[in-house]
Amino acid sequence: MEDPVVTAAQIAFAGRIKNSSDVSENTKNTQAIAKAWRGAVHTLDPDRFQIEALVTPELDQKLDILDTRRLAPTNSKCPEKTPGLNFIKTS
């Protein structure tokens, strides 16, 4: 079964791949990829996917995306020195 969250991430990443040794440029690029990814997932089904869902107010932590149908959180990690994103998906 194809996962719409993963598919949206692949599309967002493919559209912004850049080869650069500039850490600042790479950081801006990964942030743009993450923003495009969250926006694409939200557009798929705004009622199903919560963007930046609050885990708990005491910890001030958020999940990038929460699939409320499957109760599956997905987070991205944007490394500063590399242009790619790492996704942490829990099913």
C-alpha atoms as a PDB file:
ATOM      1  CA  MET A   1       0.000   0.000   0.000  1.00  0.00           C
ATOM      2  CA  GLU A   2       1.353   3.392  -0.988  1.00  0.00           C
ATOM      3  CA  ASP A   3       1.694   5.903   1.831  1.00  0.00           C
ATOM      4  CA  PRO A   4       0.510   9.410   0.847  1.00  0.00           C
ATOM      5  CA  VAL A   5       2.817  11.055   3.424  1.00  0.00           C
ATOM      6  CA  VAL A   6       5.895   9.332   1.997  1.00  0.00           C
ATOM      7  CA  THR A   7       4.832  10.057  -1.591  1.00  0.00           C
ATOM      8  CA  ALA A   8       4.383  13.760  -0.779  1.00  0.00           C
ATOM      9  CA  ALA A   9       7.858  13.809   0.795  1.00  0.00           C
ATOM     10  CA  GLN A  10       9.424  12.208  -2.284  1.00  0.00           C
ATOM     11  CA  ILE A  11       7.796  14.766  -4.582  1.00  0.00           C
ATOM     12  CA  ALA A  12       8.784  17.717  -2.383  1.00  0.00           C
ATOM     13  CA  PHE A  13      12.375  16.477  -2.181  1.00  0.00           C
ATOM     14  CA  ALA A  14      12.707  15.718  -5.904  1.00  0.00           C
ATOM     15  CA  GLY A  15      11.598  19.225  -6.809  1.00  0.00           C
ATOM     16  CA  ARG A  16      14.304  20.922  -4.748  1.00  0.00           C
ATOM     17  CA  ILE A  17      17.446  18.762  -4.950  1.00  0.00           C
ATOM     18  CA  LYS A  18      20.502  20.981  -5.103  1.00  0.00           C
ATOM     19  CA  ASN A  19      24.181  20.156  -4.814  1.00  0.00           C
ATOM     20  CA  SER A  20      25.836  22.832  -2.753  1.00  0.00           C
ATOM     21  CA  SER A  21      28.574  23.014  -0.160  1.00  0.00           C
ATOM     22  CA  ASP A  22      27.033  26.165   1.352  1.00  0.00           C
ATOM     23  CA  VAL A  23      25.536  25.213   4.732  1.00  0.00           C
ATOM     24  CA  SER A  24      23.235  28.245   4.774  1.00  0.00           C
ATOM     25  CA  GLU A  25      21.850  27.448   1.336  1.00  0.00           C
ATOM     26  CA  ASN A  26      21.375  23.787   2.284  1.00  0.00           C
ATOM     27  CA  THR A  27      19.559  24.764   5.478  1.00  0.00           C
ATOM     28  CA  LYS A  28      17.192  27.051   3.565  1.00  0.00           C
ATOM     29  CA  ASN A  29      16.655  24.318   0.984  1.00  0.00           C
ATOM     30  CA  THR A  30      15.789  21.626   3.545  1.00  0.00           C
ATOM     31  CA  GLN A  31      13.419  24.015   5.311  1.00  0.00           C
ATOM     32  CA  ALA A  32      11.699  24.731   1.979  1.00  0.00           C
ATOM     33  CA  ILE A  33      11.404  20.990   1.293  1.00  0.00           C
ATOM     34  CA  ALA A  34       9.852  20.380   4.713  1.00  0.00           C
ATOM     35  CA  LYS A  35       7.415  23.261   4.237  1.00  0.00           C
ATOM     36  CA  ALA A  36       6.388  22.010   0.779  1.00  0.00           C
ATOM     37  CA  TRP A  37       5.967  18.485   2.171  1.00  0.00           C
ATOM     38  CA  ARG A  38       3.745  19.568   5.073  1.00  0.00           C
ATOM     39  CA  GLY A  39       1.677  21.744   2.717  1.00  0.00           C
ATOM     40  CA  ALA A  40       1.225  18.915   0.212  1.00  0.00           C
ATOM     41  CA  VAL A  41       0.113  16.482   2.903  1.00  0.00           C
ATOM     42  CA  HIS A  42      -2.333  18.997   4.346  1.00  0.00           C
ATOM     43  CA  THR A  43      -3.808  19.560   0.877  1.00  0.00           C
ATOM     44  CA  LEU A  44      -4.380  15.795   0.470  1.00  0.00           C
ATOM     45  CA  ASP A  45      -6.896  15.686   3.312  1.00  0.00           C
ATOM     46  CA  PRO A  46      -7.004  18.550   5.845  1.00  0.00           C
ATOM     47  CA  ASP A  47      -9.387  16.606   8.090  1.00  0.00           C
ATOM     48  CA  ARG A  48      -7.152  13.521   8.207  1.00  0.00           C
ATOM     49  CA  PHE A  49      -3.697  15.084   8.563  1.00  0.00           C
ATOM     50  CA  GLN A  50      -2.809  17.468  11.383  1.00  0.00           C
ATOM     51  CA  ILE A  51       0.240  19.615  10.657  1.00  0.00           C
ATOM     52  CA  GLU A  52       2.512  20.460  13.598  1.00  0.00           C
ATOM     53  CA  ALA A  53       0.245  18.651  16.045  1.00  0.00           C
ATOM     54  CA  LEU A  54       1.041  19.536  19.660  1.00  0.00           C
ATOM     55  CA  VAL A  55       2.260  16.546  21.683  1.00  0.00           C
ATOM     56  CA  THR A  56       1.937  18.183  25.068  1.00  0.00           C
ATOM     57  CA  PRO A  57       1.997  21.829  26.174  1.00  0.00           C
ATOM     58  CA  GLU A  58       4.365  21.058  29.057  1.00  0.00           C
ATOM     59  CA  LEU A  59       7.100  19.834  26.724  1.00  0.00           C
ATOM     60  CA  ASP A  60       6.411  22.306  23.907  1.00  0.00           C
ATOM     61  CA  GLN A  61       6.932  19.549  21.335  1.00  0.00           C
ATOM     62  CA  LYS A  62       5.125  19.081  18.040  1.00  0.00           C
ATOM     63  CA  LEU A  63       4.808  16.332  15.450  1.00  0.00           C
ATOM     64  CA  ASP A  64       5.341  17.477  11.871  1.00  0.00           C
ATOM     65  CA  ILE A  65       2.394  15.412  10.647  1.00  0.00           C
ATOM     66  CA  LEU A  66      -0.146  13.294  12.488  1.00  0.00           C
ATOM     67  CA  ASP A  67      -2.302  10.927  10.446  1.00  0.00           C
ATOM     68  CA  THR A  68      -5.443  10.929  12.582  1.00  0.00           C
ATOM     69  CA  ARG A  69      -6.982   7.990  10.718  1.00  0.00           C
ATOM     70  CA  ARG A  70      -4.032   5.671  11.411  1.00  0.00           C
ATOM     71  CA  LEU A  71      -2.761   7.535  14.500  1.00  0.00           C
ATOM     72  CA  ALA A  72       0.682   7.544  12.884  1.00  0.00           C
ATOM     73  CA  PRO A  73       3.078  10.451  13.505  1.00  0.00           C
ATOM     74  CA  THR A  74       5.757  11.485  11.004  1.00  0.00           C
ATOM     75  CA  ASN A  75       8.611  13.884  11.693  1.00  0.00           C
ATOM     76  CA  SER A  76      11.362  15.244   9.509  1.00  0.00           C
ATOM     77  CA  LYS A  77      14.871  16.057  10.574  1.00  0.00           C
ATOM     78  CA  CYS A  78      16.586  18.791   8.588  1.00  0.00           C
ATOM     79  CA  PRO A  79      20.362  18.347   8.837  1.00  0.00           C
ATOM     80  CA  GLU A  80      22.232  21.639   8.513  1.00  0.00           C
ATOM     81  CA  LYS A  81      25.196  20.300   6.544  1.00  0.00           C
ATOM     82  CA  THR A  82      23.407  18.120   4.002  1.00  0.00           C
ATOM     83  CA  PRO A  83      20.659  19.039   1.536  1.00  0.00           C
ATOM     84  CA  GLY A  84      18.398  16.066   2.256  1.00  0.00           C
ATOM     85  CA  LEU A  85      15.751  15.306   4.833  1.00  0.00           C
ATOM     86  CA  ASN A  86      15.492  12.289   7.079  1.00  0.00           C
ATOM     87  CA  PHE A  87      11.974  11.123   7.853  1.00  0.00           C
ATOM     88  CA  ILE A  88      11.018   9.349  11.035  1.00  0.00           C
ATOM     89  CA  LYS A  89       7.758   7.509  10.533  1.00  0.00           C
ATOM     90  CA  THR A  90       5.982   5.507  13.184  1.00  0.00           C
ATOM     91  CA  SER A  91       3.166   3.172  12.223  1.00  0.00           C
END
